[in-house]
Amino acid sequence: MPKKGHKILEGVTGAYPRQMLRAVGYVDSDMDKPVIGIAIAYSETHPGCFHLKMLAEQVRSGILSAGGVPVEFYTTSICDTWGHGKGMHYILPSRELITAEIETVVCAHNDLFDGLVLMSSCDKSPGAMLMGAARVNIPSIMLTSGPMLPGRFGDKQWVFCDIKEAMGKITAGSISEDEFLRIETDSCATAGVCSMMGTGNTMGCAVEALGMALPGSGTIPAVYSERMRLARHVGERIVAMVEENLRPRDILTPQAFDNAIRFILATGGSSNTLLHIPAIAREAGHSIPLERFDELSRQTPCIAKFKPASDFTIFDLYEAGGVSGVLKRLEHLLHLSVTTVTGKALGDNLRGAKILNDKIIRPLDAPYSNEGGLAVLKGNLAELGAIVKQSGVDPKMMRHSGPAKVFEHEEDVRTYLLQKEVKPGDVLVVRNEGPKGGPGMRELSLPAAILIGLGLGDSVAMITDGRFSGATRGPCIGHVSPEAADNGPIGIVQDGDIIDIDIPGRTLNIRLSNEEITARLAVRDQVIPYSRCPGGYLDLYRQNVTNAAEGAVIKTKK
């Protein structure tokens, strides 16, 4: 292998960094080899990343066997579970932190790193690490955490979202305390990302569909030895990518993003991807408007559903053929010539792909629906757009009109639901939860799950300028933009105003004239409850964040 030179290590002035490397155990011969950074989103607070140190050992072995030098560093890793309530203000902003951490470590080391292995955990880290990879644009490959195995009890499979809905069920008295405890105990069974099509697994699969991870990476269970071997191959492959000079922006093309979006739509993936995919694309030099998601959704059938939208888990997807199986089914809709981290085109990667269960990855002539799992709604309540996971909505609620019940933040609607005050037909409007107004665009997954657990998923809708979990189902419309803090009309909704939701028609409106909306906006109290998280990083975030329709990214010169 040709030797790799590092200018920072050369000459008299190179003595300073050379002694740093020697001091941590590297030898002189290492300094002429490709240096591969291994960025690990690690913490001991959640199962999505608990096993990554073990996988990193296999990555190191692969790098060493291929003639490279592995150098580990760590990034933030937070599970949304810990954030519910006040901590949720920090969850989406953590994406920008992780991106900045990768940029900072790579750039501060003055071209020491020739390549990167990005080991993500769940939720925000896959998108953040891809954003970082696109930003620094050196050869990079992702190794996602992988899904945990579902918990099992009798003929039932439990995953994390089951405990959230169980909170509503026990409140409604429809399950016993013993059953509640059983779900709580069994819903997180192993290390890995919770085995549902939440944001963590949607993004883990989307990374593979984008071509930034090796085939199989999205669904091989976290605890399987197969993932250990995959990690070894990742280590070997990144050294080859350095020699080939295959960089993220060679892979992250508009056509590759279309492929990933189609996968997400075909599998009822997380609504949070409408924040992450545009943000990644932006770092790669592209723009993906919400309209593109809706255009592709109208052309892409939903051929697979997973918890909470069905009883299937991500382990079922793994056994049915994984991401490659879904892409194989969609082959006629995809850009097959795009480059992937294998060095081959996507079409070449899919030649050996198989679909092993038609009940899980449905045939194109028997889809769940002719449209994809996500829809973009617009109207006088959401001029820039709003998002709904239509694959998880009861058919009765695809069109709904009802009186608004307004809440100024998430805690109020959660209390309202737990006190069982909600009335069938209502439209619960939760505002001041957008990227700027939250600040941080909090996730309202607990209220949404409680709503379903109370048995109101076919009669009550929820609308917010915040966001929902990838594991949310029901008539829950998020990302309303412009948000209340940007003087959006959601800020002037009053109790009793009639809200009209038409998902097939892609509209979200309030029954007010333009003149009445303008008049209410003119007298609206513009005081926003930033005091919930005063000062610090969140203050910087709210001053510089874009709206949800643009991916809620920190503004830069791009």
Protein backbone atom coordinates (compact mmCIF):
# COMPACT_ATOMS: atom_id res chain seq x y z
CA MET A 1 0.00 0.00 0.00
CA PRO A 2 1.35 3.46 -0.83
CA LYS A 3 2.39 5.33 2.26
CA LYS A 4 0.23 8.19 3.38
CA GLY A 5 1.96 11.47 4.27
CA HIS A 6 0.70 13.82 6.96
CA LYS A 7 2.16 17.32 6.68
CA ILE A 8 1.41 18.11 10.30
CA LEU A 9 3.76 15.25 11.31
CA GLU A 10 6.63 16.26 9.02
CA GLY A 11 9.86 18.12 9.73
CA VAL A 12 11.09 19.88 12.85
CA THR A 13 7.70 21.38 13.70
CA GLY A 14 6.14 17.94 13.40
CA ALA A 15 7.91 16.93 16.62
CA TYR A 16 5.17 18.51 18.68
CA PRO A 17 2.27 16.35 17.35
CA ARG A 18 4.57 13.32 16.89
CA GLN A 19 5.30 13.25 20.60
CA MET A 20 1.55 13.39 21.30
CA LEU A 21 1.01 10.24 19.27
CA ARG A 22 3.99 8.44 20.83
CA ALA A 23 2.70 9.35 24.28
CA VAL A 24 -0.52 7.42 23.70
CA GLY A 25 1.17 4.34 22.26
CA TYR A 26 1.56 4.88 18.53
CA VAL A 27 4.90 3.97 16.94
CA ASP A 28 6.89 5.72 14.24
CA SER A 29 5.71 3.42 11.46
CA ASP A 30 2.10 4.37 12.22
CA MET A 31 2.78 7.92 11.14
CA ASP A 32 3.12 6.94 7.48
CA LYS A 33 -0.15 4.98 7.37
CA PRO A 34 -3.73 6.11 6.71
CA VAL A 35 -5.14 7.46 9.98
CA ILE A 36 -8.79 6.59 10.47
CA GLY A 37 -10.86 8.44 13.03
CA ILE A 38 -13.51 6.34 14.75
CA ALA A 39 -16.22 8.71 15.99
CA ILE A 40 -18.41 6.95 18.57
CA ALA A 41 -21.69 8.38 19.86
CA TYR A 42 -21.31 6.81 23.27
CA SER A 43 -22.90 7.04 26.69
CA GLU A 44 -23.80 4.67 29.50
CA THR A 45 -27.30 6.11 29.80
CA HIS A 46 -29.15 4.12 27.15
CA PRO A 47 -29.04 0.82 25.24
CA GLY A 48 -28.74 2.40 21.79
CA CYS A 49 -25.01 2.92 22.25
CA PHE A 50 -24.06 0.73 25.20
CA HIS A 51 -22.46 -1.91 22.94
CA LEU A 52 -20.58 0.43 20.61
CA LYS A 53 -17.24 0.10 22.38
CA MET A 54 -17.35 -3.63 21.69
CA LEU A 55 -18.18 -3.02 18.02
CA ALA A 56 -15.39 -0.44 17.87
CA GLU A 57 -12.87 -3.16 18.73
CA GLN A 58 -13.91 -4.99 15.57
CA VAL A 59 -13.67 -1.80 13.54
CA ARG A 60 -10.15 -1.28 14.90
CA SER A 61 -9.20 -4.82 13.91
CA GLY A 62 -10.44 -4.23 10.39
CA ILE A 63 -8.53 -0.97 10.06
CA LEU A 64 -5.32 -2.54 11.36
CA SER A 65 -5.62 -5.58 9.11
CA ALA A 66 -6.05 -3.30 6.09
CA GLY A 67 -2.94 -1.29 6.96
CA GLY A 68 -4.52 1.72 8.63
CA VAL A 69 -4.19 3.30 12.06
CA PRO A 70 -7.38 3.62 14.17
CA VAL A 71 -7.89 6.67 16.40
CA GLU A 72 -11.04 6.81 18.53
CA PHE A 73 -12.93 9.86 19.74
CA TYR A 74 -16.39 10.34 21.20
CA THR A 75 -19.43 12.50 20.59
CA THR A 76 -22.61 13.32 22.47
CA SER A 77 -25.20 10.56 22.63
CA ILE A 78 -28.61 11.23 24.17
CA CYS A 79 -31.71 9.06 24.00
CA ASP A 80 -34.99 10.96 23.68
CA THR A 81 -36.37 8.91 26.58
CA TRP A 82 -34.36 10.98 29.04
CA GLY A 83 -35.50 14.23 27.53
CA HIS A 84 -39.26 14.12 28.06
CA GLY A 85 -40.25 17.36 29.72
CA LYS A 86 -37.63 20.06 30.15
CA GLY A 87 -34.77 17.92 28.85
CA MET A 88 -36.46 17.62 25.45
CA HIS A 89 -35.47 21.23 24.72
CA TYR A 90 -31.93 19.92 24.23
CA ILE A 91 -32.58 16.79 22.14
CA LEU A 92 -32.89 18.21 18.61
CA PRO A 93 -30.21 20.86 19.29
CA SER A 94 -27.87 17.99 20.24
CA ARG A 95 -27.81 17.15 16.52
CA GLU A 96 -26.02 20.42 15.79
CA LEU A 97 -23.60 19.75 18.65
CA ILE A 98 -22.61 16.32 17.30
CA THR A 99 -22.11 17.77 13.83
CA ALA A 100 -19.92 20.50 15.30
CA GLU A 101 -17.99 17.95 17.39
CA ILE A 102 -17.04 15.99 14.26
CA GLU A 103 -16.09 19.15 12.39
CA THR A 104 -14.08 20.41 15.37
CA VAL A 105 -12.14 17.20 15.99
CA VAL A 106 -11.34 16.62 12.32
CA CYS A 107 -10.41 20.21 11.48
CA ALA A 108 -8.55 20.93 14.73
CA HIS A 109 -6.19 18.05 13.98
CA ASN A 110 -5.02 19.71 10.76
CA ASP A 111 -5.63 16.92 8.23
CA LEU A 112 -4.36 14.15 10.51
CA PHE A 113 -7.42 12.07 9.68
CA ASP A 114 -7.54 10.47 6.25
CA GLY A 115 -10.92 8.83 6.80
CA LEU A 116 -13.74 8.40 9.29
CA VAL A 117 -15.86 5.58 10.65
CA LEU A 118 -18.97 7.11 12.17
CA MET A 119 -20.59 4.92 14.83
CA SER A 120 -24.03 6.35 15.57
CA SER A 121 -26.52 5.32 18.21
CA CYS A 122 -30.15 6.40 17.86
CA ASP A 123 -32.40 9.34 17.03
CA LYS A 124 -30.29 12.45 16.37
CA SER A 125 -26.81 10.93 16.01
CA PRO A 126 -27.17 9.19 12.59
CA GLY A 127 -28.30 12.41 10.93
CA ALA A 128 -25.79 14.49 12.87
CA MET A 129 -22.88 12.24 11.93
CA LEU A 130 -23.86 12.32 8.25
CA MET A 131 -24.07 16.10 8.48
CA GLY A 132 -20.58 16.14 9.96
CA ALA A 133 -19.25 13.75 7.31
CA ALA A 134 -20.66 15.90 4.51
CA ARG A 135 -19.25 19.02 6.14
CA VAL A 136 -15.64 17.80 6.43
CA ASN A 137 -15.94 15.66 3.27
CA ILE A 138 -13.15 13.16 3.83
CA PRO A 139 -13.73 9.44 3.05
CA SER A 140 -16.34 8.26 5.55
CA ILE A 141 -18.49 5.23 6.25
CA MET A 142 -21.21 4.73 8.83
CA LEU A 143 -21.73 1.84 11.21
CA THR A 144 -25.07 2.33 12.88
CA SER A 145 -25.94 0.82 16.24
CA GLY A 146 -28.39 -1.73 14.90
CA PRO A 147 -31.80 -2.60 16.34
CA MET A 148 -32.32 -4.33 19.67
CA LEU A 149 -34.24 -7.57 19.71
CA PRO A 150 -37.89 -7.22 20.69
CA GLY A 151 -39.00 -8.41 24.09
CA ARG A 152 -41.24 -11.45 24.04
CA PHE A 153 -43.91 -12.70 26.38
CA GLY A 154 -46.05 -15.56 25.15
CA ASP A 155 -47.14 -14.70 21.61
CA LYS A 156 -46.56 -10.98 22.07
CA GLN A 157 -43.60 -8.85 21.04
CA TRP A 158 -42.90 -5.74 23.09
CA VAL A 159 -40.90 -2.72 22.00
CA PHE A 160 -40.33 0.66 23.56
CA CYS A 161 -43.39 2.41 22.14
CA ASP A 162 -45.61 -0.18 23.85
CA ILE A 163 -44.81 1.24 27.28
CA LYS A 164 -45.77 4.73 26.15
CA GLU A 165 -49.17 3.59 24.93
CA ALA A 166 -49.51 1.46 28.07
CA MET A 167 -49.41 4.69 30.09
CA GLY A 168 -52.67 5.68 28.43
CA LYS A 169 -54.13 2.19 28.79
CA ILE A 170 -53.48 1.94 32.52
CA THR A 171 -54.89 5.45 32.94
CA ALA A 172 -58.02 4.33 31.09
CA GLY A 173 -58.14 1.12 33.16
CA SER A 174 -57.89 -1.16 30.12
CA ILE A 175 -54.84 -3.08 31.40
CA SER A 176 -53.81 -4.31 34.85
CA GLU A 177 -50.84 -3.14 36.90
CA ASP A 178 -49.22 -6.56 36.37
CA GLU A 179 -49.52 -6.24 32.59
CA PHE A 180 -48.17 -2.70 32.76
CA LEU A 181 -45.15 -3.91 34.73
CA ARG A 182 -44.60 -6.76 32.27
CA ILE A 183 -44.56 -4.33 29.33
CA GLU A 184 -42.24 -1.99 31.21
CA THR A 185 -39.86 -4.84 32.02
CA ASP A 186 -39.81 -6.49 28.59
CA SER A 187 -40.09 -3.61 26.11
CA CYS A 188 -36.31 -2.94 26.02
CA ALA A 189 -34.80 -6.42 25.84
CA THR A 190 -31.19 -5.95 24.65
CA ALA A 191 -28.65 -3.37 23.60
CA GLY A 192 -29.44 -1.56 20.38
CA VAL A 193 -32.04 0.84 19.02
CA CYS A 194 -35.62 0.06 20.13
CA SER A 195 -37.06 -2.43 17.63
CA MET A 196 -39.72 -0.16 16.14
CA MET A 197 -39.72 2.12 13.11
CA GLY A 198 -38.95 5.15 15.23
CA THR A 199 -36.45 7.81 14.30
CA GLY A 200 -33.45 5.73 15.37
CA ASN A 201 -34.20 2.77 13.12
CA THR A 202 -35.67 4.89 10.32
CA MET A 203 -32.40 6.81 10.15
CA GLY A 204 -30.30 3.67 10.61
CA CYS A 205 -32.05 2.15 7.59
CA ALA A 206 -32.01 5.40 5.63
CA VAL A 207 -28.22 5.59 6.00
CA GLU A 208 -27.99 2.24 4.23
CA ALA A 209 -30.52 3.32 1.58
CA LEU A 210 -28.44 6.47 1.00
CA GLY A 211 -25.42 4.32 0.26
CA MET A 212 -23.38 5.52 3.26
CA ALA A 213 -23.35 2.14 5.04
CA LEU A 214 -22.64 -1.42 3.96
CA PRO A 215 -25.59 -3.62 2.94
CA GLY A 216 -27.29 -5.20 5.98
CA SER A 217 -26.22 -2.44 8.32
CA GLY A 218 -29.74 -1.08 8.89
CA THR A 219 -31.36 -4.22 10.32
CA ILE A 220 -28.75 -6.71 11.57
CA PRO A 221 -29.57 -6.94 15.31
CA ALA A 222 -27.20 -5.07 17.57
CA VAL A 223 -26.35 -8.17 19.60
CA TYR A 224 -25.79 -10.60 16.72
CA SER A 225 -22.29 -11.78 15.88
CA GLU A 226 -23.18 -10.84 12.30
CA ARG A 227 -22.94 -7.19 13.35
CA MET A 228 -19.51 -7.86 14.85
CA ARG A 229 -18.36 -9.21 11.50
CA LEU A 230 -19.98 -6.25 9.75
CA ALA A 231 -17.94 -3.94 11.98
CA ARG A 232 -14.76 -5.73 10.92
CA HIS A 233 -15.67 -5.25 7.25
CA VAL A 234 -16.39 -1.57 7.89
CA GLY A 235 -12.87 -1.13 9.27
CA GLU A 236 -11.35 -2.80 6.25
CA ARG A 237 -13.52 -0.92 3.79
CA ILE A 238 -12.72 2.58 5.07
CA VAL A 239 -9.01 2.08 4.40
CA ALA A 240 -9.85 1.11 0.82
CA MET A 241 -12.11 4.17 0.52
CA VAL A 242 -9.17 6.38 1.52
CA GLU A 243 -7.08 4.88 -1.28
CA GLU A 244 -9.97 5.36 -3.70
CA ASN A 245 -10.58 8.90 -2.39
CA LEU A 246 -14.30 8.11 -2.22
CA ARG A 247 -15.86 10.98 -0.28
CA PRO A 248 -19.32 11.63 1.22
CA ARG A 249 -20.31 14.23 -1.34
CA ASP A 250 -19.58 11.69 -4.10
CA ILE A 251 -22.30 9.53 -2.56
CA LEU A 252 -24.75 12.10 -1.13
CA THR A 253 -26.24 13.21 -4.44
CA PRO A 254 -29.83 14.39 -5.06
CA GLN A 255 -30.57 10.98 -6.61
CA ALA A 256 -29.29 9.16 -3.52
CA PHE A 257 -31.51 11.32 -1.30
CA ASP A 258 -34.50 10.45 -3.49
CA ASN A 259 -33.72 6.76 -2.96
CA ALA A 260 -33.54 7.18 0.82
CA ILE A 261 -36.76 9.21 0.90
CA ARG A 262 -38.57 6.52 -1.08
CA PHE A 263 -37.39 3.89 1.40
CA ILE A 264 -38.67 6.00 4.30
CA LEU A 265 -42.03 6.54 2.60
CA ALA A 266 -42.40 2.87 1.64
CA THR A 267 -41.86 1.70 5.21
CA GLY A 268 -43.89 4.26 7.17
CA GLY A 269 -40.74 5.83 8.57
CA SER A 270 -40.36 8.62 11.09
CA SER A 271 -41.65 12.12 10.48
CA ASN A 272 -38.39 13.39 12.02
CA THR A 273 -36.64 12.45 8.80
CA LEU A 274 -38.19 15.55 7.27
CA LEU A 275 -35.88 17.47 9.59
CA HIS A 276 -32.80 15.29 9.15
CA ILE A 277 -32.73 14.52 5.42
CA PRO A 278 -32.90 18.21 4.36
CA ALA A 279 -30.25 19.04 6.97
CA ILE A 280 -27.86 16.37 5.65
CA ALA A 281 -28.53 17.43 2.06
CA ARG A 282 -27.77 21.03 2.96
CA GLU A 283 -24.33 20.05 4.26
CA ALA A 284 -23.73 18.16 1.01
CA GLY A 285 -24.62 21.24 -1.04
CA HIS A 286 -28.19 20.37 -2.00
CA SER A 287 -31.67 21.62 -1.15
CA ILE A 288 -34.61 19.30 -0.49
CA PRO A 289 -37.86 21.21 0.04
CA LEU A 290 -40.82 19.59 1.80
CA GLU A 291 -42.62 19.53 -1.51
CA ARG A 292 -40.14 16.92 -2.75
CA PHE A 293 -41.13 14.56 0.06
CA ASP A 294 -44.80 14.95 -0.82
CA GLU A 295 -44.15 14.54 -4.55
CA LEU A 296 -42.31 11.27 -3.91
CA SER A 297 -44.94 10.16 -1.38
CA ARG A 298 -47.66 10.38 -4.02
CA GLN A 299 -45.56 8.12 -6.28
CA THR A 300 -44.32 5.59 -3.71
CA PRO A 301 -46.53 2.86 -2.26
CA CYS A 302 -46.36 2.00 1.43
CA ILE A 303 -45.37 -1.67 1.34
CA ALA A 304 -44.26 -2.23 4.93
CA LYS A 305 -45.34 -1.10 8.39
CA PHE A 306 -43.75 -1.70 11.75
CA LYS A 307 -44.51 -0.95 15.34
CA PRO A 308 -46.33 1.14 16.35
CA ALA A 309 -48.22 1.16 13.02
CA SER A 310 -48.41 -2.69 12.93
CA ASP A 311 -47.43 -5.66 15.06
CA PHE A 312 -44.22 -6.25 13.09
CA THR A 313 -40.84 -5.23 14.50
CA ILE A 314 -37.51 -4.33 12.89
CA PHE A 315 -36.38 -7.87 13.63
CA ASP A 316 -39.20 -9.02 11.35
CA LEU A 317 -37.83 -6.69 8.65
CA TYR A 318 -34.36 -8.19 9.15
CA GLU A 319 -35.72 -11.71 8.64
CA ALA A 320 -37.78 -10.60 5.62
CA GLY A 321 -34.79 -9.25 3.68
CA GLY A 322 -33.87 -5.99 5.41
CA VAL A 323 -33.31 -2.66 3.70
CA SER A 324 -32.04 -4.39 0.56
CA GLY A 325 -35.30 -6.36 0.34
CA VAL A 326 -37.38 -3.17 0.42
CA LEU A 327 -35.12 -1.48 -2.13
CA LYS A 328 -35.30 -4.57 -4.34
CA ARG A 329 -39.10 -4.29 -4.28
CA LEU A 330 -38.87 -0.59 -5.20
CA GLU A 331 -36.12 -1.15 -7.79
CA HIS A 332 -38.09 0.30 -10.70
CA LEU A 333 -38.50 3.59 -8.79
CA LEU A 334 -34.88 4.02 -7.74
CA HIS A 335 -31.76 5.63 -9.17
CA LEU A 336 -29.70 2.46 -9.44
CA SER A 337 -26.53 4.02 -10.81
CA VAL A 338 -25.71 6.05 -7.68
CA THR A 339 -22.41 5.29 -5.96
CA THR A 340 -22.30 3.69 -2.52
CA VAL A 341 -19.60 3.10 0.10
CA THR A 342 -19.02 -0.36 -1.39
CA GLY A 343 -17.48 1.42 -4.38
CA LYS A 344 -20.23 -0.11 -6.48
CA ALA A 345 -23.52 1.24 -7.78
CA LEU A 346 -26.68 0.62 -5.79
CA GLY A 347 -28.00 -1.60 -8.57
CA ASP A 348 -24.94 -3.84 -8.26
CA ASN A 349 -25.44 -4.09 -4.50
CA LEU A 350 -29.06 -5.18 -5.00
CA ARG A 351 -28.37 -8.01 -7.45
CA GLY A 352 -28.28 -10.62 -4.72
CA ALA A 353 -31.02 -9.08 -2.57
CA LYS A 354 -33.96 -11.30 -1.67
CA ILE A 355 -37.42 -10.78 -0.26
CA LEU A 356 -38.15 -13.63 2.14
CA ASN A 357 -41.59 -12.72 3.46
CA ASP A 358 -44.30 -11.07 1.37
CA LYS A 359 -46.42 -10.40 4.44
CA ILE A 360 -43.78 -8.06 5.83
CA ILE A 361 -42.43 -6.55 2.57
CA ARG A 362 -45.63 -6.55 0.55
CA PRO A 363 -45.80 -6.97 -3.23
CA LEU A 364 -46.37 -3.81 -5.23
CA ASP A 365 -49.82 -5.01 -6.26
CA ALA A 366 -50.88 -5.41 -2.62
CA PRO A 367 -49.51 -2.40 -0.70
CA TYR A 368 -50.90 -1.02 2.52
CA SER A 369 -51.62 2.12 0.53
CA ASN A 370 -50.77 3.54 -2.86
CA GLU A 371 -49.05 6.49 -1.23
CA GLY A 372 -46.09 6.69 1.12
CA GLY A 373 -46.26 6.89 4.89
CA LEU A 374 -45.71 10.66 5.24
CA ALA A 375 -47.72 13.59 3.94
CA VAL A 376 -47.07 17.34 3.82
CA LEU A 377 -50.09 19.52 4.62
CA LYS A 378 -50.43 23.21 3.83
CA GLY A 379 -53.06 25.85 4.37
CA ASN A 380 -53.78 29.04 6.28
CA LEU A 381 -52.66 27.34 9.51
CA ALA A 382 -49.40 26.07 7.99
CA GLU A 383 -48.30 28.20 5.05
CA LEU A 384 -44.82 26.65 4.97
CA GLY A 385 -46.05 23.15 5.73
CA ALA A 386 -46.87 20.59 8.41
CA ILE A 387 -46.15 16.87 8.61
CA VAL A 388 -48.30 13.85 9.40
CA LYS A 389 -47.39 10.16 9.44
CA GLN A 390 -50.43 9.14 7.43
CA SER A 391 -49.53 5.45 7.55
CA GLY A 392 -50.37 5.52 11.28
CA VAL A 393 -53.68 7.40 11.01
CA ASP A 394 -57.03 5.65 11.46
CA PRO A 395 -59.03 5.88 8.20
CA LYS A 396 -61.79 7.68 10.13
CA MET A 397 -59.41 10.55 10.85
CA MET A 398 -57.96 11.10 7.39
CA ARG A 399 -60.46 13.96 7.18
CA HIS A 400 -61.54 15.62 10.38
CA SER A 401 -63.04 18.91 11.51
CA GLY A 402 -63.41 19.91 15.12
CA PRO A 403 -63.13 22.64 17.73
CA ALA A 404 -59.68 23.65 18.91
CA LYS A 405 -58.55 23.17 22.49
CA VAL A 406 -55.41 25.27 22.89
CA PHE A 407 -52.36 24.59 25.07
CA GLU A 408 -49.32 26.81 25.43
CA HIS A 409 -46.88 23.94 25.99
CA GLU A 410 -46.61 20.16 26.21
CA GLU A 411 -46.99 19.77 29.98
CA ASP A 412 -50.50 21.24 29.89
CA VAL A 413 -51.81 18.87 27.23
CA ARG A 414 -50.21 15.88 28.98
CA THR A 415 -51.99 16.76 32.24
CA TYR A 416 -55.24 17.36 30.36
CA LEU A 417 -55.07 13.90 28.79
CA LEU A 418 -54.15 12.10 32.02
CA GLN A 419 -57.08 13.77 33.75
CA LYS A 420 -59.29 12.37 30.97
CA GLU A 421 -60.87 15.74 30.21
CA VAL A 422 -60.52 15.46 26.44
CA LYS A 423 -63.72 15.21 24.38
CA PRO A 424 -64.15 13.17 21.19
CA GLY A 425 -64.01 15.39 18.14
CA ASP A 426 -61.59 17.91 19.63
CA VAL A 427 -58.44 19.16 17.93
CA LEU A 428 -55.72 19.66 20.54
CA VAL A 429 -53.47 22.56 19.51
CA VAL A 430 -50.08 22.71 21.26
CA ARG A 431 -47.94 25.73 20.43
CA ASN A 432 -44.69 27.44 21.49
CA GLU A 433 -42.87 24.13 20.89
CA GLY A 434 -41.15 24.94 17.59
CA PRO A 435 -37.38 25.16 16.98
CA LYS A 436 -37.28 28.77 18.17
CA GLY A 437 -40.25 28.89 20.52
CA GLY A 438 -39.55 25.71 22.46
CA PRO A 439 -36.71 26.36 22.18
CA GLY A 440 -35.51 23.13 20.62
CA MET A 441 -38.70 21.76 19.00
CA ARG A 442 -39.70 19.34 21.69
CA GLU A 443 -41.13 15.93 20.86
CA LEU A 444 -44.71 15.34 21.99
CA SER A 445 -44.60 11.57 21.78
CA LEU A 446 -45.91 10.97 25.29
CA PRO A 447 -49.13 12.98 24.82
CA ALA A 448 -49.60 11.33 21.43
CA ALA A 449 -49.15 7.84 22.88
CA ILE A 450 -51.44 8.60 25.82
CA LEU A 451 -54.07 9.77 23.34
CA ILE A 452 -53.90 6.40 21.59
CA GLY A 453 -53.86 4.52 24.90
CA LEU A 454 -57.03 6.34 25.96
CA GLY A 455 -58.74 4.97 22.85
CA LEU A 456 -59.13 8.39 21.23
CA GLY A 457 -57.00 7.82 18.14
CA ASP A 458 -60.11 7.64 15.96
CA SER A 459 -61.80 10.76 17.31
CA VAL A 460 -59.26 13.35 18.53
CA ALA A 461 -56.49 15.06 16.55
CA MET A 462 -53.38 16.84 17.82
CA ILE A 463 -51.56 19.69 16.07
CA THR A 464 -48.28 21.30 17.13
CA ASP A 465 -45.41 23.45 15.94
CA GLY A 466 -43.25 20.96 17.82
CA ARG A 467 -42.57 17.46 16.58
CA PHE A 468 -43.59 13.88 17.26
CA SER A 469 -41.60 10.71 17.71
CA GLY A 470 -40.91 8.37 14.87
CA ALA A 471 -42.88 5.92 17.00
CA THR A 472 -46.00 8.10 17.01
CA ARG A 473 -49.21 6.96 15.43
CA GLY A 474 -52.63 8.51 15.26
CA PRO A 475 -53.89 11.83 13.84
CA CYS A 476 -50.90 13.82 15.09
CA ILE A 477 -49.74 16.70 12.88
CA GLY A 478 -46.40 18.28 13.71
CA HIS A 479 -43.81 20.71 12.32
CA VAL A 480 -46.49 23.40 11.77
CA SER A 481 -44.57 26.20 10.11
CA PRO A 482 -44.28 29.10 10.56
CA GLU A 483 -44.28 28.39 14.27
CA ALA A 484 -45.94 30.55 16.91
CA ALA A 485 -42.59 32.16 17.76
CA ASP A 486 -42.25 33.25 14.11
CA ASN A 487 -45.67 34.90 14.21
CA GLY A 488 -47.32 31.88 12.62
CA PRO A 489 -51.12 31.60 12.65
CA ILE A 490 -50.95 28.69 15.11
CA GLY A 491 -50.18 31.40 17.66
CA ILE A 492 -53.61 33.05 17.30
CA VAL A 493 -55.83 29.94 17.50
CA GLN A 494 -58.46 30.23 20.23
CA ASP A 495 -60.51 27.60 22.03
CA GLY A 496 -63.51 26.71 19.91
CA ASP A 497 -62.06 27.76 16.53
CA ILE A 498 -62.86 25.09 13.95
CA ILE A 499 -59.86 23.32 12.46
CA ASP A 500 -60.20 21.44 9.17
CA ILE A 501 -57.79 18.56 8.48
CA ASP A 502 -57.77 16.90 5.06
CA ILE A 503 -54.85 14.50 4.73
CA PRO A 504 -55.75 13.15 1.26
CA GLY A 505 -56.25 16.74 0.13
CA ARG A 506 -53.02 17.79 1.89
CA THR A 507 -54.62 20.76 3.66
CA LEU A 508 -54.65 22.15 7.20
CA ASN A 509 -56.87 25.18 7.74
CA ILE A 510 -58.58 27.20 10.41
CA ARG A 511 -62.04 28.55 9.61
CA LEU A 512 -61.09 32.18 9.77
CA SER A 513 -60.89 34.78 7.04
CA ASN A 514 -57.52 36.18 6.08
CA GLU A 515 -58.66 39.48 7.56
CA GLU A 516 -59.45 37.89 10.93
CA ILE A 517 -56.10 36.07 11.01
CA THR A 518 -54.27 39.31 10.20
CA ALA A 519 -56.20 41.20 12.87
CA ARG A 520 -55.44 38.60 15.55
CA LEU A 521 -51.76 38.50 14.63
CA ALA A 522 -51.59 42.29 14.92
CA VAL A 523 -52.67 42.24 18.57
CA ARG A 524 -51.03 38.98 19.61
CA ASP A 525 -48.83 39.08 22.68
CA GLN A 526 -45.36 38.39 21.32
CA VAL A 527 -43.87 37.38 24.69
CA ILE A 528 -42.44 33.88 24.19
CA PRO A 529 -41.73 31.61 27.19
CA TYR A 530 -37.95 31.37 26.73
CA SER A 531 -37.63 31.44 30.52
CA ARG A 532 -38.17 27.68 30.51
CA CYS A 533 -34.54 27.33 29.38
CA PRO A 534 -32.79 30.65 29.98
CA GLY A 535 -29.35 31.48 28.61
CA GLY A 536 -26.59 29.13 27.48
CA TYR A 537 -26.59 27.00 24.36
CA LEU A 538 -30.36 27.07 23.90
CA ASP A 539 -30.35 30.84 23.77
CA LEU A 540 -27.75 30.73 20.99
CA TYR A 541 -29.75 28.00 19.26
CA ARG A 542 -33.07 29.86 19.23
CA GLN A 543 -31.40 33.01 17.88
CA ASN A 544 -29.87 31.16 14.92
CA VAL A 545 -32.14 28.23 14.08
CA THR A 546 -34.17 28.03 10.87
CA ASN A 547 -37.79 26.94 10.73
CA ALA A 548 -38.85 23.28 10.68
CA ALA A 549 -39.58 23.39 6.94
CA GLU A 550 -35.86 24.05 6.38
CA GLY A 551 -34.72 21.27 8.72
CA ALA A 552 -34.31 23.34 11.92
CA VAL A 553 -30.59 23.85 11.25
CA ILE A 554 -28.27 26.48 12.64
CA LYS A 555 -28.00 29.29 10.10
CA THR A 556 -24.68 29.57 8.30
CA LYS A 557 -23.55 31.34 5.16
CA LYS A 558 -24.73 28.47 2.96
